[in-house]
PDB file of N, CA and C in Angstrom:
ATOM      1  N   UNK A   1       8.591 -23.478  -1.186  1.00  0.00           N
ATOM      2  CA  UNK A   1       9.354 -22.284  -0.845  1.00  0.00           C
ATOM      3  C   UNK A   1       9.999 -21.701  -2.108  1.00  0.00           C
ATOM      4  N   UNK A   2      10.430 -20.483  -1.985  1.00  0.00           N
ATOM      5  CA  UNK A   2      11.049 -19.809  -3.117  1.00  0.00           C
ATOM      6  C   UNK A   2      12.327 -20.522  -3.559  1.00  0.00           C
ATOM      7  N   UNK A   3      13.110 -21.001  -2.602  1.00  0.00           N
ATOM      8  CA  UNK A   3      14.349 -21.697  -2.969  1.00  0.00           C
ATOM      9  C   UNK A   3      14.053 -22.992  -3.727  1.00  0.00           C
ATOM     10  N   UNK A   4      13.003 -23.712  -3.344  1.00  0.00           N
ATOM     11  CA  UNK A   4      12.619 -24.922  -4.080  1.00  0.00           C
ATOM     12  C   UNK A   4      12.190 -24.583  -5.499  1.00  0.00           C
ATOM     13  N   UNK A   5      11.432 -23.502  -5.631  1.00  0.00           N
ATOM     14  CA  UNK A   5      10.984 -23.064  -6.954  1.00  0.00           C
ATOM     15  C   UNK A   5      12.172 -22.708  -7.832  1.00  0.00           C
ATOM     16  N   UNK A   6      13.137 -22.011  -7.267  1.00  0.00           N
ATOM     17  CA  UNK A   6      14.342 -21.645  -8.016  1.00  0.00           C
ATOM     18  C   UNK A   6      15.077 -22.898  -8.469  1.00  0.00           C
ATOM     19  N   UNK A   7      15.185 -23.888  -7.588  1.00  0.00           N
ATOM     20  CA  UNK A   7      15.858 -25.139  -7.959  1.00  0.00           C
ATOM     21  C   UNK A   7      15.152 -25.834  -9.116  1.00  0.00           C
ATOM     22  N   UNK A   8      13.828 -25.880  -9.085  1.00  0.00           N
ATOM     23  CA  UNK A   8      13.068 -26.511 -10.172  1.00  0.00           C
ATOM     24  C   UNK A   8      13.284 -25.755 -11.480  1.00  0.00           C
ATOM     25  N   UNK A   9      13.235 -24.444 -11.417  1.00  0.00           N
ATOM     26  CA  UNK A   9      13.453 -23.633 -12.621  1.00  0.00           C
ATOM     27  C   UNK A   9      14.845 -23.894 -13.185  1.00  0.00           C
ATOM     28  N   UNK A  10      15.836 -23.938 -12.315  1.00  0.00           N
ATOM     29  CA  UNK A  10      17.213 -24.188 -12.767  1.00  0.00           C
ATOM     30  C   UNK A  10      17.370 -25.599 -13.327  1.00  0.00           C
ATOM     31  N   UNK A  11      16.722 -26.568 -12.701  1.00  0.00           N
ATOM     32  CA  UNK A  11      16.791 -27.948 -13.193  1.00  0.00           C
ATOM     33  C   UNK A  11      16.220 -28.072 -14.600  1.00  0.00           C
ATOM     34  N   UNK A  12      15.374 -27.147 -14.967  1.00  0.00           N
ATOM     35  CA  UNK A  12      14.777 -27.145 -16.300  1.00  0.00           C
ATOM     36  C   UNK A  12      15.514 -26.235 -17.272  1.00  0.00           C
ATOM     37  N   UNK A  13      16.724 -25.834 -16.885  1.00  0.00           N
ATOM     38  CA  UNK A  13      17.607 -25.136 -17.804  1.00  0.00           C
ATOM     39  C   UNK A  13      17.585 -23.621 -17.786  1.00  0.00           C
ATOM     40  N   UNK A  14      16.790 -23.026 -16.938  1.00  0.00           N
ATOM     41  CA  UNK A  14      16.726 -21.559 -16.902  1.00  0.00           C
ATOM     42  C   UNK A  14      17.766 -20.996 -15.938  1.00  0.00           C
ATOM     43  N   UNK A  15      18.110 -19.763 -16.157  1.00  0.00           N
ATOM     44  CA  UNK A  15      19.027 -19.043 -15.278  1.00  0.00           C
ATOM     45  C   UNK A  15      18.192 -18.141 -14.377  1.00  0.00           C
ATOM     46  N   UNK A  16      18.428 -18.238 -13.073  1.00  0.00           N
ATOM     47  CA  UNK A  16      17.721 -17.395 -12.109  1.00  0.00           C
ATOM     48  C   UNK A  16      18.759 -16.549 -11.386  1.00  0.00           C
ATOM     49  N   UNK A  17      18.638 -15.248 -11.541  1.00  0.00           N
ATOM     50  CA  UNK A  17      19.559 -14.322 -10.875  1.00  0.00           C
ATOM     51  C   UNK A  17      18.859 -13.476  -9.820  1.00  0.00           C
ATOM     52  N   UNK A  18      17.571 -13.215 -10.045  1.00  0.00           N
ATOM     53  CA  UNK A  18      16.802 -12.348  -9.157  1.00  0.00           C
ATOM     54  C   UNK A  18      15.450 -12.980  -8.856  1.00  0.00           C
ATOM     55  N   UNK A  19      14.912 -12.621  -7.698  1.00  0.00           N
ATOM     56  CA  UNK A  19      13.553 -13.019  -7.322  1.00  0.00           C
ATOM     57  C   UNK A  19      12.879 -11.794  -6.720  1.00  0.00           C
ATOM     58  N   UNK A  20      11.599 -11.640  -7.001  1.00  0.00           N
ATOM     59  CA  UNK A  20      10.855 -10.485  -6.503  1.00  0.00           C
ATOM     60  C   UNK A  20       9.796 -10.956  -5.511  1.00  0.00           C
ATOM     61  N   UNK A  21       9.725 -10.250  -4.393  1.00  0.00           N
ATOM     62  CA  UNK A  21       8.683 -10.506  -3.391  1.00  0.00           C
ATOM     63  C   UNK A  21       7.923  -9.209  -3.160  1.00  0.00           C
ATOM     64  N   UNK A  22       6.640  -9.314  -3.004  1.00  0.00           N
ATOM     65  CA  UNK A  22       5.850  -8.132  -2.669  1.00  0.00           C
ATOM     66  C   UNK A  22       6.240  -7.659  -1.271  1.00  0.00           C
ATOM     67  N   UNK A  23       6.266  -8.590  -0.316  1.00  0.00           N
ATOM     68  CA  UNK A  23       6.642  -8.256   1.059  1.00  0.00           C
ATOM     69  C   UNK A  23       7.650  -9.277   1.563  1.00  0.00           C
ATOM     70  N   UNK A  24       8.794  -8.788   2.033  1.00  0.00           N
ATOM     71  CA  UNK A  24       9.771  -9.652   2.688  1.00  0.00           C
ATOM     72  C   UNK A  24       9.380  -9.784   4.154  1.00  0.00           C
ATOM     73  N   UNK A  25       9.291 -11.017   4.615  1.00  0.00           N
ATOM     74  CA  UNK A  25       8.941 -11.251   6.020  1.00  0.00           C
ATOM     75  C   UNK A  25      10.157 -11.129   6.933  1.00  0.00           C
ATOM     76  N   UNK A  26      11.338 -10.933   6.344  1.00  0.00           N
ATOM     77  CA  UNK A  26      12.581 -10.775   7.104  1.00  0.00           C
ATOM     78  C   UNK A  26      12.873 -12.001   7.962  1.00  0.00           C
ATOM     79  N   UNK A  27      12.653 -13.167   7.371  1.00  0.00           N
ATOM     80  CA  UNK A  27      12.865 -14.423   8.089  1.00  0.00           C
ATOM     81  C   UNK A  27      14.065 -15.201   7.549  1.00  0.00           C
ATOM     82  N   UNK A  28      14.959 -14.520   6.835  1.00  0.00           N
ATOM     83  CA  UNK A  28      16.181 -15.158   6.377  1.00  0.00           C
ATOM     84  C   UNK A  28      16.216 -15.556   4.916  1.00  0.00           C
ATOM     85  N   UNK A  29      15.154 -15.299   4.182  1.00  0.00           N
ATOM     86  CA  UNK A  29      15.121 -15.686   2.764  1.00  0.00           C
ATOM     87  C   UNK A  29      16.199 -14.971   1.960  1.00  0.00           C
ATOM     88  N   UNK A  30      16.429 -13.701   2.264  1.00  0.00           N
ATOM     89  CA  UNK A  30      17.423 -12.945   1.504  1.00  0.00           C
ATOM     90  C   UNK A  30      18.802 -13.593   1.611  1.00  0.00           C
ATOM     91  N   UNK A  31      19.185 -13.981   2.816  1.00  0.00           N
ATOM     92  CA  UNK A  31      20.486 -14.620   3.024  1.00  0.00           C
ATOM     93  C   UNK A  31      20.543 -15.992   2.349  1.00  0.00           C
ATOM     94  N   UNK A  32      19.464 -16.754   2.462  1.00  0.00           N
ATOM     95  CA  UNK A  32      19.415 -18.089   1.852  1.00  0.00           C
ATOM     96  C   UNK A  32      19.539 -17.990   0.333  1.00  0.00           C
ATOM     97  N   UNK A  33      18.798 -17.055  -0.260  1.00  0.00           N
ATOM     98  CA  UNK A  33      18.859 -16.887  -1.711  1.00  0.00           C
ATOM     99  C   UNK A  33      20.219 -16.369  -2.149  1.00  0.00           C
ATOM    100  N   UNK A  34      20.802 -15.502  -1.338  1.00  0.00           N
ATOM    101  CA  UNK A  34      22.127 -14.968  -1.663  1.00  0.00           C
ATOM    102  C   UNK A  34      23.141 -16.112  -1.779  1.00  0.00           C
ATOM    103  N   UNK A  35      23.040 -17.102  -0.901  1.00  0.00           N
ATOM    104  CA  UNK A  35      23.926 -18.268  -0.960  1.00  0.00           C
ATOM    105  C   UNK A  35      23.711 -19.071  -2.237  1.00  0.00           C
ATOM    106  N   UNK A  36      22.509 -18.941  -2.823  1.00  0.00           N
ATOM    107  CA  UNK A  36      22.191 -19.626  -4.077  1.00  0.00           C
ATOM    108  C   UNK A  36      22.556 -18.772  -5.289  1.00  0.00           C
ATOM    109  N   UNK A  37      23.088 -17.570  -5.023  1.00  0.00           N
ATOM    110  CA  UNK A  37      23.439 -16.674  -6.115  1.00  0.00           C
ATOM    111  C   UNK A  37      22.258 -15.903  -6.675  1.00  0.00           C
ATOM    112  N   UNK A  38      21.219 -15.752  -5.865  1.00  0.00           N
ATOM    113  CA  UNK A  38      20.002 -15.058  -6.299  1.00  0.00           C
ATOM    114  C   UNK A  38      19.790 -13.828  -5.414  1.00  0.00           C
ATOM    115  N   UNK A  39      19.492 -12.716  -6.051  1.00  0.00           N
ATOM    116  CA  UNK A  39      19.220 -11.473  -5.330  1.00  0.00           C
ATOM    117  C   UNK A  39      17.717 -11.363  -5.102  1.00  0.00           C
ATOM    118  N   UNK A  40      17.329 -11.127  -3.850  1.00  0.00           N
ATOM    119  CA  UNK A  40      15.919 -10.927  -3.521  1.00  0.00           C
ATOM    120  C   UNK A  40      15.605  -9.439  -3.578  1.00  0.00           C
ATOM    121  N   UNK A  41      14.602  -9.103  -4.356  1.00  0.00           N
ATOM    122  CA  UNK A  41      14.133  -7.725  -4.459  1.00  0.00           C
ATOM    123  C   UNK A  41      12.754  -7.688  -3.816  1.00  0.00           C
ATOM    124  N   UNK A  42      12.627  -6.953  -2.722  1.00  0.00           N
ATOM    125  CA  UNK A  42      11.342  -6.847  -2.028  1.00  0.00           C
ATOM    126  C   UNK A  42      10.803  -5.435  -2.190  1.00  0.00           C
ATOM    127  N   UNK A  43       9.541  -5.345  -2.526  1.00  0.00           N
ATOM    128  CA  UNK A  43       8.904  -4.038  -2.659  1.00  0.00           C
ATOM    129  C   UNK A  43       8.789  -3.377  -1.287  1.00  0.00           C
ATOM    130  N   UNK A  44       8.516  -4.166  -0.269  1.00  0.00           N
ATOM    131  CA  UNK A  44       8.415  -3.663   1.103  1.00  0.00           C
ATOM    132  C   UNK A  44       8.768  -4.797   2.050  1.00  0.00           C
ATOM    133  N   UNK A  45       8.985  -4.449   3.308  1.00  0.00           N
ATOM    134  CA  UNK A  45       9.214  -5.463   4.331  1.00  0.00           C
ATOM    135  C   UNK A  45       7.991  -5.536   5.238  1.00  0.00           C
ATOM    136  N   UNK A  46       7.918  -6.603   5.989  1.00  0.00           N
ATOM    137  CA  UNK A  46       6.823  -6.739   6.947  1.00  0.00           C
ATOM    138  C   UNK A  46       6.852  -5.583   7.936  1.00  0.00           C
ATOM    139  N   UNK A  47       8.054  -5.106   8.271  1.00  0.00           N
ATOM    140  CA  UNK A  47       8.153  -3.971   9.184  1.00  0.00           C
ATOM    141  C   UNK A  47       7.581  -2.704   8.558  1.00  0.00           C
ATOM    142  N   UNK A  48       7.827  -2.507   7.257  1.00  0.00           N
ATOM    143  CA  UNK A  48       7.225  -1.361   6.563  1.00  0.00           C
ATOM    144  C   UNK A  48       5.705  -1.424   6.664  1.00  0.00           C
ATOM    145  N   UNK A  49       5.166  -2.608   6.440  1.00  0.00           N
ATOM    146  CA  UNK A  49       3.716  -2.794   6.480  1.00  0.00           C
ATOM    147  C   UNK A  49       3.162  -2.535   7.881  1.00  0.00           C
ATOM    148  N   UNK A  50       3.804  -3.097   8.877  1.00  0.00           N
ATOM    149  CA  UNK A  50       3.362  -2.905  10.263  1.00  0.00           C
ATOM    150  C   UNK A  50       3.395  -1.424  10.633  1.00  0.00           C
ATOM    151  N   UNK A  51       4.501  -0.753  10.299  1.00  0.00           N
ATOM    152  CA  UNK A  51       4.623   0.670  10.630  1.00  0.00           C
ATOM    153  C   UNK A  51       3.590   1.515   9.894  1.00  0.00           C
ATOM    154  N   UNK A  52       3.325   1.199   8.635  1.00  0.00           N
ATOM    155  CA  UNK A  52       2.324   1.947   7.868  1.00  0.00           C
ATOM    156  C   UNK A  52       0.935   1.763   8.475  1.00  0.00           C
ATOM    157  N   UNK A  53       0.609   0.535   8.861  1.00  0.00           N
ATOM    158  CA  UNK A  53      -0.690   0.284   9.491  1.00  0.00           C
ATOM    159  C   UNK A  53      -0.821   1.044  10.807  1.00  0.00           C
ATOM    160  N   UNK A  54       0.260   1.063  11.576  1.00  0.00           N
ATOM    161  CA  UNK A  54       0.238   1.792  12.849  1.00  0.00           C
ATOM    162  C   UNK A  54       0.098   3.296  12.598  1.00  0.00           C
ATOM    163  N   UNK A  55       0.885   3.818  11.664  1.00  0.00           N
ATOM    164  CA  UNK A  55       0.837   5.255  11.357  1.00  0.00           C
ATOM    165  C   UNK A  55      -0.542   5.696  10.871  1.00  0.00           C
ATOM    166  N   UNK A  56      -1.247   4.812  10.182  1.00  0.00           N
ATOM    167  CA  UNK A  56      -2.590   5.125   9.669  1.00  0.00           C
ATOM    168  C   UNK A  56      -3.687   4.887  10.714  1.00  0.00           C
ATOM    169  N   UNK A  57      -3.281   4.431  11.906  1.00  0.00           N
ATOM    170  CA  UNK A  57      -4.258   4.182  12.958  1.00  0.00           C
ATOM    171  C   UNK A  57      -5.002   2.867  12.812  1.00  0.00           C
ATOM    172  N   UNK A  58      -4.486   1.973  11.970  1.00  0.00           N
ATOM    173  CA  UNK A  58      -5.140   0.686  11.748  1.00  0.00           C
ATOM    174  C   UNK A  58      -4.641  -0.402  12.694  1.00  0.00           C
ATOM    175  N   UNK A  59      -3.559  -0.106  13.422  1.00  0.00           N
ATOM    176  CA  UNK A  59      -3.061  -0.964  14.499  1.00  0.00           C
ATOM    177  C   UNK A  59      -2.969  -0.099  15.741  1.00  0.00           C
ATOM    178  N   UNK A  60      -3.479  -0.592  16.856  1.00  0.00           N
ATOM    179  CA  UNK A  60      -3.315   0.175  18.088  1.00  0.00           C
ATOM    180  C   UNK A  60      -1.962  -0.150  18.721  1.00  0.00           C
ATOM    181  N   UNK A  61      -1.589   0.622  19.718  1.00  0.00           N
ATOM    182  CA  UNK A  61      -0.278   0.480  20.365  1.00  0.00           C
ATOM    183  C   UNK A  61      -0.093  -0.921  20.957  1.00  0.00           C
ATOM    184  N   UNK A  62      -1.131  -1.451  21.603  1.00  0.00           N
ATOM    185  CA  UNK A  62      -1.022  -2.784  22.211  1.00  0.00           C
ATOM    186  C   UNK A  62      -0.747  -3.856  21.162  1.00  0.00           C
ATOM    187  N   UNK A  63      -1.427  -3.780  20.039  1.00  0.00           N
ATOM    188  CA  UNK A  63      -1.216  -4.752  18.961  1.00  0.00           C
ATOM    189  C   UNK A  63       0.186  -4.616  18.395  1.00  0.00           C
ATOM    190  N   UNK A  64       0.633  -3.385  18.192  1.00  0.00           N
ATOM    191  CA  UNK A  64       1.992  -3.149  17.700  1.00  0.00           C
ATOM    192  C   UNK A  64       3.017  -3.754  18.652  1.00  0.00           C
ATOM    193  N   UNK A  65       2.851  -3.511  19.934  1.00  0.00           N
ATOM    194  CA  UNK A  65       3.793  -4.052  20.923  1.00  0.00           C
ATOM    195  C   UNK A  65       3.769  -5.579  20.944  1.00  0.00           C
ATOM    196  N   UNK A  66       2.601  -6.184  20.768  1.00  0.00           N
ATOM    197  CA  UNK A  66       2.499  -7.646  20.729  1.00  0.00           C
ATOM    198  C   UNK A  66       3.213  -8.209  19.496  1.00  0.00           C
ATOM    199  N   UNK A  67       3.053  -7.548  18.368  1.00  0.00           N
ATOM    200  CA  UNK A  67       3.744  -7.981  17.142  1.00  0.00           C
ATOM    201  C   UNK A  67       5.251  -7.898  17.337  1.00  0.00           C
ATOM    202  N   UNK A  68       5.722  -6.795  17.895  1.00  0.00           N
ATOM    203  CA  UNK A  68       7.160  -6.625  18.136  1.00  0.00           C
ATOM    204  C   UNK A  68       7.658  -7.699  19.092  1.00  0.00           C
ATOM    205  N   UNK A  69       6.902  -7.975  20.156  1.00  0.00           N
ATOM    206  CA  UNK A  69       7.298  -9.011  21.119  1.00  0.00           C
ATOM    207  C   UNK A  69       7.407 -10.372  20.436  1.00  0.00           C
ATOM    208  N   UNK A  70       6.432 -10.713  19.597  1.00  0.00           N
ATOM    209  CA  UNK A  70       6.476 -11.992  18.890  1.00  0.00           C
ATOM    210  C   UNK A  70       7.703 -12.075  17.990  1.00  0.00           C
ATOM    211  N   UNK A  71       8.007 -10.987  17.303  1.00  0.00           N
ATOM    212  CA  UNK A  71       9.168 -10.986  16.415  1.00  0.00           C
ATOM    213  C   UNK A  71      10.458 -11.147  17.212  1.00  0.00           C
ATOM    214  N   UNK A  72      10.562 -10.454  18.348  1.00  0.00           N
ATOM    215  CA  UNK A  72      11.743 -10.574  19.204  1.00  0.00           C
ATOM    216  C   UNK A  72      11.863 -12.005  19.716  1.00  0.00           C
ATOM    217  N   UNK A  73      10.755 -12.578  20.170  1.00  0.00           N
ATOM    218  CA  UNK A  73      10.762 -13.954  20.680  1.00  0.00           C
ATOM    219  C   UNK A  73      11.213 -14.953  19.613  1.00  0.00           C
ATOM    220  N   UNK A  74      10.926 -14.649  18.351  1.00  0.00           N
ATOM    221  CA  UNK A  74      11.316 -15.524  17.244  1.00  0.00           C
ATOM    222  C   UNK A  74      12.710 -15.195  16.711  1.00  0.00           C
ATOM    223  N   UNK A  75      13.344 -14.169  17.289  1.00  0.00           N
ATOM    224  CA  UNK A  75      14.675 -13.775  16.838  1.00  0.00           C
ATOM    225  C   UNK A  75      14.670 -13.076  15.492  1.00  0.00           C
ATOM    226  N   UNK A  76      13.555 -12.441  15.148  1.00  0.00           N
ATOM    227  CA  UNK A  76      13.427 -11.777  13.852  1.00  0.00           C
ATOM    228  C   UNK A  76      13.731 -10.294  13.968  1.00  0.00           C
ATOM    229  N   UNK A  77      14.058  -9.705  12.838  1.00  0.00           N
ATOM    230  CA  UNK A  77      14.368  -8.284  12.747  1.00  0.00           C
ATOM    231  C   UNK A  77      13.136  -7.457  13.102  1.00  0.00           C
ATOM    232  N   UNK A  78      13.342  -6.394  13.891  1.00  0.00           N
ATOM    233  CA  UNK A  78      12.209  -5.566  14.303  1.00  0.00           C
ATOM    234  C   UNK A  78      12.307  -4.128  13.831  1.00  0.00           C
ATOM    235  N   UNK A  79      13.376  -3.754  13.167  1.00  0.00           N
ATOM    236  CA  UNK A  79      13.514  -2.365  12.691  1.00  0.00           C
ATOM    237  C   UNK A  79      12.872  -2.177  11.354  1.00  0.00           C
TER     238      UNK A  79
END
């Protein structure tokens, strides 16, 4: 995990203040890293990706609704 990687880097004497993710899955990493004193910078979120795919017609309505249902069932952010 990213937090384990940060710990290894720090154990080897480096300073870690920021981490970059291509896509944030919105599963709590930002809060976890914040507690470690690390800022997570995400280029996009999973919700951005899902919405873009839907807007481009690459996800149908049923698939979008199933993804949203799964996220709600897991207690994850859906906006």
